[in-house]
Amino acid sequence: LGDRHKTTPLWLAISQSLERRDQPTPEMQQQLNEDKLLTVRALLEGGATMDQTVLETACGGRGSADIVSLLLQHGADPNYKEGKATPPLLVACSQCNVEIVQ
């Protein structure tokens, strides 16, 4: 399931965020991260297909270190590069996200 823009249920689950205008509290952001993790876990356990855009999105600030770890456990490659795309590990570095890089 997905469209020609690589929009899959797994990608959508990771890419969801609160609207900037909502100015989420830390508690709201924590709940969103927990919900994302549960959704991603359920999708992976249900056989969701994972392409590299999923890990890139998670490393680019839309996912938590827990989500990135889960994706890595399911075979995502942090060094994968297709064409001119930036490898997910370098995406996390460019975002200065030490927790994800570790």
PDB file of N, CA and C in Angstrom:
ATOM      1  N   LEU A   1       0.855  -1.180   0.000  1.00  0.00           N
ATOM      2  CA  LEU A   1       0.000   0.000   0.000  1.00  0.00           C
ATOM      3  C   LEU A   1       0.890   1.228   0.000  1.00  0.00           C
ATOM      4  N   GLY A   2       0.601   2.158  -0.847  1.00  0.00           N
ATOM      5  CA  GLY A   2       1.367   3.389  -0.957  1.00  0.00           C
ATOM      6  C   GLY A   2       1.079   4.006  -2.302  1.00  0.00           C
ATOM      7  N   ASP A   3       1.556   5.212  -2.499  1.00  0.00           N
ATOM      8  CA  ASP A   3       1.334   5.846  -3.784  1.00  0.00           C
ATOM      9  C   ASP A   3       2.659   6.101  -4.478  1.00  0.00           C
ATOM     10  N   ARG A   4       2.613   6.742  -5.619  1.00  0.00           N
ATOM     11  CA  ARG A   4       3.831   6.932  -6.400  1.00  0.00           C
ATOM     12  C   ARG A   4       4.817   7.876  -5.722  1.00  0.00           C
ATOM     13  N   HIS A   5       4.410   8.573  -4.677  1.00  0.00           N
ATOM     14  CA  HIS A   5       5.292   9.470  -3.947  1.00  0.00           C
ATOM     15  C   HIS A   5       5.892   8.786  -2.719  1.00  0.00           C
ATOM     16  N   LYS A   6       5.813   7.464  -2.664  1.00  0.00           N
ATOM     17  CA  LYS A   6       6.337   6.658  -1.557  1.00  0.00           C
ATOM     18  C   LYS A   6       5.657   6.977  -0.231  1.00  0.00           C
ATOM     19  N   THR A   7       4.412   7.397  -0.296  1.00  0.00           N
ATOM     20  CA  THR A   7       3.650   7.661   0.911  1.00  0.00           C
ATOM     21  C   THR A   7       3.001   6.353   1.344  1.00  0.00           C
ATOM     22  N   THR A   8       3.579   5.726   2.356  1.00  0.00           N
ATOM     23  CA  THR A   8       3.080   4.461   2.876  1.00  0.00           C
ATOM     24  C   THR A   8       2.527   4.698   4.279  1.00  0.00           C
ATOM     25  N   PRO A   9       1.745   3.771   4.796  1.00  0.00           N
ATOM     26  CA  PRO A   9       1.249   3.934   6.178  1.00  0.00           C
ATOM     27  C   PRO A   9       2.391   4.122   7.180  1.00  0.00           C
ATOM     28  N   LEU A  10       3.497   3.415   6.987  1.00  0.00           N
ATOM     29  CA  LEU A  10       4.627   3.529   7.900  1.00  0.00           C
ATOM     30  C   LEU A  10       5.235   4.928   7.836  1.00  0.00           C
ATOM     31  N   TRP A  11       5.415   5.436   6.633  1.00  0.00           N
ATOM     32  CA  TRP A  11       5.964   6.788   6.472  1.00  0.00           C
ATOM     33  C   TRP A  11       5.021   7.817   7.092  1.00  0.00           C
ATOM     34  N   LEU A  12       3.727   7.657   6.854  1.00  0.00           N
ATOM     35  CA  LEU A  12       2.756   8.595   7.410  1.00  0.00           C
ATOM     36  C   LEU A  12       2.778   8.587   8.938  1.00  0.00           C
ATOM     37  N   ALA A  13       2.906   7.404   9.523  1.00  0.00           N
ATOM     38  CA  ALA A  13       2.927   7.296  10.988  1.00  0.00           C
ATOM     39  C   ALA A  13       4.103   8.072  11.571  1.00  0.00           C
ATOM     40  N   ILE A  14       5.242   8.018  10.909  1.00  0.00           N
ATOM     41  CA  ILE A  14       6.439   8.692  11.409  1.00  0.00           C
ATOM     42  C   ILE A  14       6.398  10.190  11.133  1.00  0.00           C
ATOM     43  N   SER A  15       5.861  10.566   9.999  1.00  0.00           N
ATOM     44  CA  SER A  15       5.930  11.966   9.588  1.00  0.00           C
ATOM     45  C   SER A  15       4.913  12.870  10.274  1.00  0.00           C
ATOM     46  N   GLN A  16       3.953  12.306  10.965  1.00  0.00           N
ATOM     47  CA  GLN A  16       2.932  13.123  11.635  1.00  0.00           C
ATOM     48  C   GLN A  16       3.563  13.977  12.730  1.00  0.00           C
ATOM     49  N   SER A  17       3.123  15.214  12.807  1.00  0.00           N
ATOM     50  CA  SER A  17       3.596  16.096  13.874  1.00  0.00           C
ATOM     51  C   SER A  17       2.465  17.036  14.262  1.00  0.00           C
ATOM     52  N   LEU A  18       2.640  17.676  15.374  1.00  0.00           N
ATOM     53  CA  LEU A  18       1.677  18.674  15.795  1.00  0.00           C
ATOM     54  C   LEU A  18       1.907  19.934  14.978  1.00  0.00           C
ATOM     55  N   GLU A  19       0.856  20.652  14.712  1.00  0.00           N
ATOM     56  CA  GLU A  19       0.982  21.905  13.974  1.00  0.00           C
ATOM     57  C   GLU A  19       1.825  22.887  14.786  1.00  0.00           C
ATOM     58  N   ARG A  20       2.660  23.625  14.108  1.00  0.00           N
ATOM     59  CA  ARG A  20       3.494  24.611  14.811  1.00  0.00           C
ATOM     60  C   ARG A  20       2.645  25.604  15.598  1.00  0.00           C
ATOM     61  N   ARG A  21       1.509  25.954  15.060  1.00  0.00           N
ATOM     62  CA  ARG A  21       0.664  26.936  15.739  1.00  0.00           C
ATOM     63  C   ARG A  21       0.102  26.397  17.051  1.00  0.00           C
ATOM     64  N   ASP A  22       0.113  25.059  17.214  1.00  0.00           N
ATOM     65  CA  ASP A  22      -0.400  24.465  18.442  1.00  0.00           C
ATOM     66  C   ASP A  22       0.538  24.653  19.626  1.00  0.00           C
ATOM     67  N   GLN A  23       1.815  24.938  19.359  1.00  0.00           N
ATOM     68  CA  GLN A  23       2.826  25.097  20.388  1.00  0.00           C
ATOM     69  C   GLN A  23       2.686  24.012  21.458  1.00  0.00           C
ATOM     70  N   PRO A  24       3.023  22.781  21.076  1.00  0.00           N
ATOM     71  CA  PRO A  24       2.814  21.663  21.992  1.00  0.00           C
ATOM     72  C   PRO A  24       3.647  21.770  23.265  1.00  0.00           C
ATOM     73  N   THR A  25       3.037  21.348  24.334  1.00  0.00           N
ATOM     74  CA  THR A  25       3.763  21.271  25.606  1.00  0.00           C
ATOM     75  C   THR A  25       4.689  20.055  25.534  1.00  0.00           C
ATOM     76  N   PRO A  26       5.676  19.979  26.392  1.00  0.00           N
ATOM     77  CA  PRO A  26       6.529  18.784  26.409  1.00  0.00           C
ATOM     78  C   PRO A  26       5.718  17.505  26.623  1.00  0.00           C
ATOM     79  N   GLU A  27       4.657  17.596  27.425  1.00  0.00           N
ATOM     80  CA  GLU A  27       3.812  16.418  27.671  1.00  0.00           C
ATOM     81  C   GLU A  27       3.096  15.987  26.398  1.00  0.00           C
ATOM     82  N   MET A  28       2.603  16.961  25.615  1.00  0.00           N
ATOM     83  CA  MET A  28       1.933  16.645  24.353  1.00  0.00           C
ATOM     84  C   MET A  28       2.913  15.999  23.378  1.00  0.00           C
ATOM     85  N   GLN A  29       4.127  16.532  23.303  1.00  0.00           N
ATOM     86  CA  GLN A  29       5.127  15.988  22.397  1.00  0.00           C
ATOM     87  C   GLN A  29       5.515  14.576  22.823  1.00  0.00           C
ATOM     88  N   GLN A  30       5.653  14.338  24.114  1.00  0.00           N
ATOM     89  CA  GLN A  30       5.979  13.005  24.621  1.00  0.00           C
ATOM     90  C   GLN A  30       4.884  12.007  24.264  1.00  0.00           C
ATOM     91  N   GLN A  31       3.627  12.413  24.427  1.00  0.00           N
ATOM     92  CA  GLN A  31       2.511  11.528  24.089  1.00  0.00           C
ATOM     93  C   GLN A  31       2.496  11.223  22.597  1.00  0.00           C
ATOM     94  N   LEU A  32       2.756  12.222  21.767  1.00  0.00           N
ATOM     95  CA  LEU A  32       2.809  12.004  20.327  1.00  0.00           C
ATOM     96  C   LEU A  32       3.914  11.004  19.974  1.00  0.00           C
ATOM     97  N   ASN A  33       5.090  11.165  20.592  1.00  0.00           N
ATOM     98  CA  ASN A  33       6.196  10.238  20.335  1.00  0.00           C
ATOM     99  C   ASN A  33       5.846   8.816  20.755  1.00  0.00           C
ATOM    100  N   GLU A  34       5.186   8.667  21.901  1.00  0.00           N
ATOM    101  CA  GLU A  34       4.783   7.341  22.367  1.00  0.00           C
ATOM    102  C   GLU A  34       3.757   6.722  21.424  1.00  0.00           C
ATOM    103  N   ASP A  35       2.811   7.531  20.971  1.00  0.00           N
ATOM    104  CA  ASP A  35       1.798   7.036  20.028  1.00  0.00           C
ATOM    105  C   ASP A  35       2.433   6.614  18.707  1.00  0.00           C
ATOM    106  N   LYS A  36       3.386   7.422  18.232  1.00  0.00           N
ATOM    107  CA  LYS A  36       4.089   7.085  16.987  1.00  0.00           C
ATOM    108  C   LYS A  36       4.812   5.748  17.131  1.00  0.00           C
ATOM    109  N   LEU A  37       5.506   5.576  18.257  1.00  0.00           N
ATOM    110  CA  LEU A  37       6.261   4.345  18.475  1.00  0.00           C
ATOM    111  C   LEU A  37       5.339   3.135  18.465  1.00  0.00           C
ATOM    112  N   LEU A  38       4.217   3.221  19.147  1.00  0.00           N
ATOM    113  CA  LEU A  38       3.261   2.108  19.165  1.00  0.00           C
ATOM    114  C   LEU A  38       2.723   1.821  17.765  1.00  0.00           C
ATOM    115  N   THR A  39       2.431   2.868  17.014  1.00  0.00           N
ATOM    116  CA  THR A  39       1.903   2.703  15.659  1.00  0.00           C
ATOM    117  C   THR A  39       2.946   2.083  14.743  1.00  0.00           C
ATOM    118  N   VAL A  40       4.171   2.582  14.802  1.00  0.00           N
ATOM    119  CA  VAL A  40       5.249   2.045  13.961  1.00  0.00           C
ATOM    120  C   VAL A  40       5.507   0.587  14.306  1.00  0.00           C
ATOM    121  N   ARG A  41       5.555   0.261  15.588  1.00  0.00           N
ATOM    122  CA  ARG A  41       5.767  -1.134  16.016  1.00  0.00           C
ATOM    123  C   ARG A  41       4.663  -2.036  15.457  1.00  0.00           C
ATOM    124  N   ALA A  42       3.415  -1.602  15.589  1.00  0.00           N
ATOM    125  CA  ALA A  42       2.285  -2.402  15.099  1.00  0.00           C
ATOM    126  C   ALA A  42       2.366  -2.589  13.583  1.00  0.00           C
ATOM    127  N   LEU A  43       2.714  -1.534  12.855  1.00  0.00           N
ATOM    128  CA  LEU A  43       2.833  -1.642  11.402  1.00  0.00           C
ATOM    129  C   LEU A  43       3.950  -2.602  11.003  1.00  0.00           C
ATOM    130  N   LEU A  44       5.105  -2.498  11.666  1.00  0.00           N
ATOM    131  CA  LEU A  44       6.223  -3.389  11.344  1.00  0.00           C
ATOM    132  C   LEU A  44       5.882  -4.834  11.671  1.00  0.00           C
ATOM    133  N   GLU A  45       5.278  -5.060  12.815  1.00  0.00           N
ATOM    134  CA  GLU A  45       4.904  -6.420  13.210  1.00  0.00           C
ATOM    135  C   GLU A  45       3.812  -6.980  12.303  1.00  0.00           C
ATOM    136  N   GLY A  46       3.030  -6.086  11.709  1.00  0.00           N
ATOM    137  CA  GLY A  46       1.985  -6.503  10.784  1.00  0.00           C
ATOM    138  C   GLY A  46       2.482  -6.702   9.357  1.00  0.00           C
ATOM    139  N   GLY A  47       3.790  -6.517   9.146  1.00  0.00           N
ATOM    140  CA  GLY A  47       4.372  -6.772   7.833  1.00  0.00           C
ATOM    141  C   GLY A  47       4.493  -5.570   6.921  1.00  0.00           C
ATOM    142  N   ALA A  48       4.419  -4.371   7.477  1.00  0.00           N
ATOM    143  CA  ALA A  48       4.553  -3.168   6.652  1.00  0.00           C
ATOM    144  C   ALA A  48       5.895  -3.164   5.929  1.00  0.00           C
ATOM    145  N   THR A  49       5.863  -2.718   4.699  1.00  0.00           N
ATOM    146  CA  THR A  49       7.083  -2.608   3.909  1.00  0.00           C
ATOM    147  C   THR A  49       7.814  -1.335   4.306  1.00  0.00           C
ATOM    148  N   MET A  50       9.130  -1.453   4.437  1.00  0.00           N
ATOM    149  CA  MET A  50       9.923  -0.305   4.835  1.00  0.00           C
ATOM    150  C   MET A  50      10.899   0.045   3.721  1.00  0.00           C
ATOM    151  N   ASP A  51      10.848   1.296   3.257  1.00  0.00           N
ATOM    152  CA  ASP A  51      11.867   1.756   2.327  1.00  0.00           C
ATOM    153  C   ASP A  51      12.720   2.796   3.055  1.00  0.00           C
ATOM    154  N   GLN A  52      13.756   3.275   2.415  1.00  0.00           N
ATOM    155  CA  GLN A  52      14.685   4.170   3.093  1.00  0.00           C
ATOM    156  C   GLN A  52      14.093   5.521   3.435  1.00  0.00           C
ATOM    157  N   THR A  53      13.042   5.953   2.755  1.00  0.00           N
ATOM    158  CA  THR A  53      12.464   7.249   3.098  1.00  0.00           C
ATOM    159  C   THR A  53      11.924   7.246   4.525  1.00  0.00           C
ATOM    160  N   VAL A  54      11.555   6.076   5.017  1.00  0.00           N
ATOM    161  CA  VAL A  54      11.039   5.964   6.387  1.00  0.00           C
ATOM    162  C   VAL A  54      12.142   6.313   7.383  1.00  0.00           C
ATOM    163  N   LEU A  55      13.323   5.721   7.232  1.00  0.00           N
ATOM    164  CA  LEU A  55      14.422   6.005   8.149  1.00  0.00           C
ATOM    165  C   LEU A  55      14.914   7.437   7.973  1.00  0.00           C
ATOM    166  N   GLU A  56      14.982   7.913   6.743  1.00  0.00           N
ATOM    167  CA  GLU A  56      15.399   9.299   6.499  1.00  0.00           C
ATOM    168  C   GLU A  56      14.468  10.271   7.215  1.00  0.00           C
ATOM    169  N   THR A  57      13.166  10.019   7.139  1.00  0.00           N
ATOM    170  CA  THR A  57      12.180  10.880   7.786  1.00  0.00           C
ATOM    171  C   THR A  57      12.354  10.845   9.300  1.00  0.00           C
ATOM    172  N   ALA A  58      12.542   9.658   9.849  1.00  0.00           N
ATOM    173  CA  ALA A  58      12.732   9.524  11.297  1.00  0.00           C
ATOM    174  C   ALA A  58      14.009  10.231  11.750  1.00  0.00           C
ATOM    175  N   CYS A  59      15.073  10.116  10.979  1.00  0.00           N
ATOM    176  CA  CYS A  59      16.342  10.751  11.340  1.00  0.00           C
ATOM    177  C   CYS A  59      16.312  12.259  11.118  1.00  0.00           C
ATOM    178  N   GLY A  60      15.397  12.717  10.294  1.00  0.00           N
ATOM    179  CA  GLY A  60      15.312  14.130   9.962  1.00  0.00           C
ATOM    180  C   GLY A  60      14.499  14.964  10.927  1.00  0.00           C
ATOM    181  N   GLY A  61      14.195  14.432  12.075  1.00  0.00           N
ATOM    182  CA  GLY A  61      13.513  15.224  13.082  1.00  0.00           C
ATOM    183  C   GLY A  61      12.059  14.848  13.307  1.00  0.00           C
ATOM    184  N   ARG A  62      11.528  13.914  12.534  1.00  0.00           N
ATOM    185  CA  ARG A  62      10.127  13.520  12.702  1.00  0.00           C
ATOM    186  C   ARG A  62       9.988  12.281  13.577  1.00  0.00           C
ATOM    187  N   GLY A  63      11.084  11.681  13.933  1.00  0.00           N
ATOM    188  CA  GLY A  63      11.030  10.470  14.748  1.00  0.00           C
ATOM    189  C   GLY A  63      11.888  10.621  15.990  1.00  0.00           C
ATOM    190  N   SER A  64      11.679   9.761  16.920  1.00  0.00           N
ATOM    191  CA  SER A  64      12.475   9.750  18.139  1.00  0.00           C
ATOM    192  C   SER A  64      13.587   8.718  17.997  1.00  0.00           C
ATOM    193  N   ALA A  65      14.517   8.733  18.931  1.00  0.00           N
ATOM    194  CA  ALA A  65      15.583   7.732  18.933  1.00  0.00           C
ATOM    195  C   ALA A  65      14.988   6.330  19.073  1.00  0.00           C
ATOM    196  N   ASP A  66      13.888   6.215  19.808  1.00  0.00           N
ATOM    197  CA  ASP A  66      13.229   4.909  19.964  1.00  0.00           C
ATOM    198  C   ASP A  66      12.693   4.397  18.633  1.00  0.00           C
ATOM    199  N   ILE A  67      12.121   5.288  17.835  1.00  0.00           N
ATOM    200  CA  ILE A  67      11.606   4.885  16.521  1.00  0.00           C
ATOM    201  C   ILE A  67      12.757   4.497  15.607  1.00  0.00           C
ATOM    202  N   VAL A  68      13.820   5.283  15.606  1.00  0.00           N
ATOM    203  CA  VAL A  68      14.981   4.961  14.774  1.00  0.00           C
ATOM    204  C   VAL A  68      15.550   3.605  15.178  1.00  0.00           C
ATOM    205  N   SER A  69      15.673   3.362  16.475  1.00  0.00           N
ATOM    206  CA  SER A  69      16.174   2.078  16.959  1.00  0.00           C
ATOM    207  C   SER A  69      15.286   0.927  16.492  1.00  0.00           C
ATOM    208  N   LEU A  70      13.988   1.111  16.568  1.00  0.00           N
ATOM    209  CA  LEU A  70      13.046   0.083  16.123  1.00  0.00           C
ATOM    210  C   LEU A  70      13.210  -0.193  14.628  1.00  0.00           C
ATOM    211  N   LEU A  71      13.342   0.860  13.831  1.00  0.00           N
ATOM    212  CA  LEU A  71      13.543   0.686  12.391  1.00  0.00           C
ATOM    213  C   LEU A  71      14.851  -0.050  12.098  1.00  0.00           C
ATOM    214  N   LEU A  72      15.901   0.286  12.836  1.00  0.00           N
ATOM    215  CA  LEU A  72      17.191  -0.400  12.659  1.00  0.00           C
ATOM    216  C   LEU A  72      17.072  -1.880  13.018  1.00  0.00           C
ATOM    217  N   GLN A  73      16.321  -2.187  14.070  1.00  0.00           N
ATOM    218  CA  GLN A  73      16.106  -3.579  14.466  1.00  0.00           C
ATOM    219  C   GLN A  73      15.373  -4.361  13.388  1.00  0.00           C
ATOM    220  N   HIS A  74      14.598  -3.659  12.571  1.00  0.00           N
ATOM    221  CA  HIS A  74      13.849  -4.306  11.490  1.00  0.00           C
ATOM    222  C   HIS A  74      14.566  -4.207  10.145  1.00  0.00           C
ATOM    223  N   GLY A  75      15.854  -3.896  10.190  1.00  0.00           N
ATOM    224  CA  GLY A  75      16.665  -3.972   8.975  1.00  0.00           C
ATOM    225  C   GLY A  75      16.940  -2.693   8.220  1.00  0.00           C
ATOM    226  N   ALA A  76      16.521  -1.545   8.735  1.00  0.00           N
ATOM    227  CA  ALA A  76      16.834  -0.291   8.048  1.00  0.00           C
ATOM    228  C   ALA A  76      18.348  -0.069   8.074  1.00  0.00           C
ATOM    229  N   ASP A  77      18.885   0.476   7.002  1.00  0.00           N
ATOM    230  CA  ASP A  77      20.325   0.696   6.871  1.00  0.00           C
ATOM    231  C   ASP A  77      20.619   2.190   7.035  1.00  0.00           C
ATOM    232  N   PRO A  78      21.321   2.589   8.102  1.00  0.00           N
ATOM    233  CA  PRO A  78      21.587   4.009   8.337  1.00  0.00           C
ATOM    234  C   PRO A  78      22.550   4.628   7.327  1.00  0.00           C
ATOM    235  N   ASN A  79      23.256   3.797   6.590  1.00  0.00           N
ATOM    236  CA  ASN A  79      24.227   4.289   5.620  1.00  0.00           C
ATOM    237  C   ASN A  79      23.747   4.176   4.177  1.00  0.00           C
ATOM    238  N   TYR A  80      22.518   3.703   3.980  1.00  0.00           N
ATOM    239  CA  TYR A  80      21.984   3.501   2.633  1.00  0.00           C
ATOM    240  C   TYR A  80      21.872   4.829   1.897  1.00  0.00           C
ATOM    241  N   LYS A  81      22.283   4.813   0.644  1.00  0.00           N
ATOM    242  CA  LYS A  81      22.192   6.011  -0.180  1.00  0.00           C
ATOM    243  C   LYS A  81      21.712   5.616  -1.557  1.00  0.00           C
ATOM    244  N   GLU A  82      20.672   6.273  -2.023  1.00  0.00           N
ATOM    245  CA  GLU A  82      20.144   6.018  -3.350  1.00  0.00           C
ATOM    246  C   GLU A  82      20.254   7.308  -4.155  1.00  0.00           C
ATOM    247  N   GLY A  83      20.985   7.253  -5.258  1.00  0.00           N
ATOM    248  CA  GLY A  83      21.154   8.446  -6.079  1.00  0.00           C
ATOM    249  C   GLY A  83      21.842   9.552  -5.307  1.00  0.00           C
ATOM    250  N   LYS A  84      21.239  10.730  -5.334  1.00  0.00           N
ATOM    251  CA  LYS A  84      21.823  11.891  -4.662  1.00  0.00           C
ATOM    252  C   LYS A  84      21.290  12.083  -3.249  1.00  0.00           C
ATOM    253  N   ALA A  85      20.496  11.140  -2.784  1.00  0.00           N
ATOM    254  CA  ALA A  85      19.918  11.249  -1.442  1.00  0.00           C
ATOM    255  C   ALA A  85      21.012  11.206  -0.374  1.00  0.00           C
ATOM    256  N   THR A  86      20.740  11.833   0.730  1.00  0.00           N
ATOM    257  CA  THR A  86      21.662  11.828   1.859  1.00  0.00           C
ATOM    258  C   THR A  86      21.374  10.612   2.731  1.00  0.00           C
ATOM    259  N   PRO A  87      22.413   9.860   3.117  1.00  0.00           N
ATOM    260  CA  PRO A  87      22.182   8.702   3.993  1.00  0.00           C
ATOM    261  C   PRO A  87      21.524   9.138   5.306  1.00  0.00           C
ATOM    262  N   PRO A  88      20.634   8.317   5.849  1.00  0.00           N
ATOM    263  CA  PRO A  88      19.920   8.676   7.080  1.00  0.00           C
ATOM    264  C   PRO A  88      20.830   9.087   8.239  1.00  0.00           C
ATOM    265  N   LEU A  89      21.974   8.431   8.390  1.00  0.00           N
ATOM    266  CA  LEU A  89      22.884   8.794   9.479  1.00  0.00           C
ATOM    267  C   LEU A  89      23.361  10.236   9.319  1.00  0.00           C
ATOM    268  N   LEU A  90      23.671  10.636   8.102  1.00  0.00           N
ATOM    269  CA  LEU A  90      24.106  12.011   7.873  1.00  0.00           C
ATOM    270  C   LEU A  90      22.951  12.999   8.046  1.00  0.00           C
ATOM    271  N   VAL A  91      21.743  12.559   7.756  1.00  0.00           N
ATOM    272  CA  VAL A  91      20.568  13.403   8.000  1.00  0.00           C
ATOM    273  C   VAL A  91      20.470  13.707   9.490  1.00  0.00           C
ATOM    274  N   ALA A  92      20.630  12.680  10.323  1.00  0.00           N
ATOM    275  CA  ALA A  92      20.568  12.873  11.780  1.00  0.00           C
ATOM    276  C   ALA A  92      21.698  13.788  12.243  1.00  0.00           C
ATOM    277  N   CYS A  93      22.895  13.626  11.673  1.00  0.00           N
ATOM    278  CA  CYS A  93      24.023  14.493  12.027  1.00  0.00           C
ATOM    279  C   CYS A  93      23.724  15.944  11.656  1.00  0.00           C
ATOM    280  N   SER A  94      23.140  16.147  10.490  1.00  0.00           N
ATOM    281  CA  SER A  94      22.851  17.519  10.038  1.00  0.00           C
ATOM    282  C   SER A  94      21.797  18.183  10.909  1.00  0.00           C
ATOM    283  N   GLN A  95      20.976  17.383  11.582  1.00  0.00           N
ATOM    284  CA  GLN A  95      19.967  17.909  12.497  1.00  0.00           C
ATOM    285  C   GLN A  95      20.521  18.067  13.915  1.00  0.00           C
ATOM    286  N   CYS A  96      21.807  17.727  14.094  1.00  0.00           N
ATOM    287  CA  CYS A  96      22.460  17.782  15.406  1.00  0.00           C
ATOM    288  C   CYS A  96      21.702  16.961  16.446  1.00  0.00           C
ATOM    289  N   ASN A  97      21.173  15.837  16.019  1.00  0.00           N
ATOM    290  CA  ASN A  97      20.407  14.989  16.929  1.00  0.00           C
ATOM    291  C   ASN A  97      21.321  13.887  17.474  1.00  0.00           C
ATOM    292  N   VAL A  98      22.014  14.217  18.542  1.00  0.00           N
ATOM    293  CA  VAL A  98      23.001  13.317  19.133  1.00  0.00           C
ATOM    294  C   VAL A  98      22.360  12.007  19.571  1.00  0.00           C
ATOM    295  N   GLU A  99      21.164  12.072  20.136  1.00  0.00           N
ATOM    296  CA  GLU A  99      20.490  10.869  20.622  1.00  0.00           C
ATOM    297  C   GLU A  99      20.260   9.881  19.497  1.00  0.00           C
ATOM    298  N   ILE A 100      19.839  10.352  18.332  1.00  0.00           N
ATOM    299  CA  ILE A 100      19.607   9.459  17.193  1.00  0.00           C
ATOM    300  C   ILE A 100      20.938   8.967  16.618  1.00  0.00           C
ATOM    301  N   VAL A 101      21.938   9.832  16.542  1.00  0.00           N
ATOM    302  CA  VAL A 101      23.237   9.433  15.994  1.00  0.00           C
ATOM    303  C   VAL A 101      23.850   8.319  16.828  1.00  0.00           C
ATOM    304  N   GLN A 102      23.699   8.390  18.137  1.00  0.00           N
ATOM    305  CA  GLN A 102      24.264   7.353  19.003  1.00  0.00           C
ATOM    306  C   GLN A 102      23.571   6.051  18.761  1.00  0.00           C
TER     307      GLN A 102
END
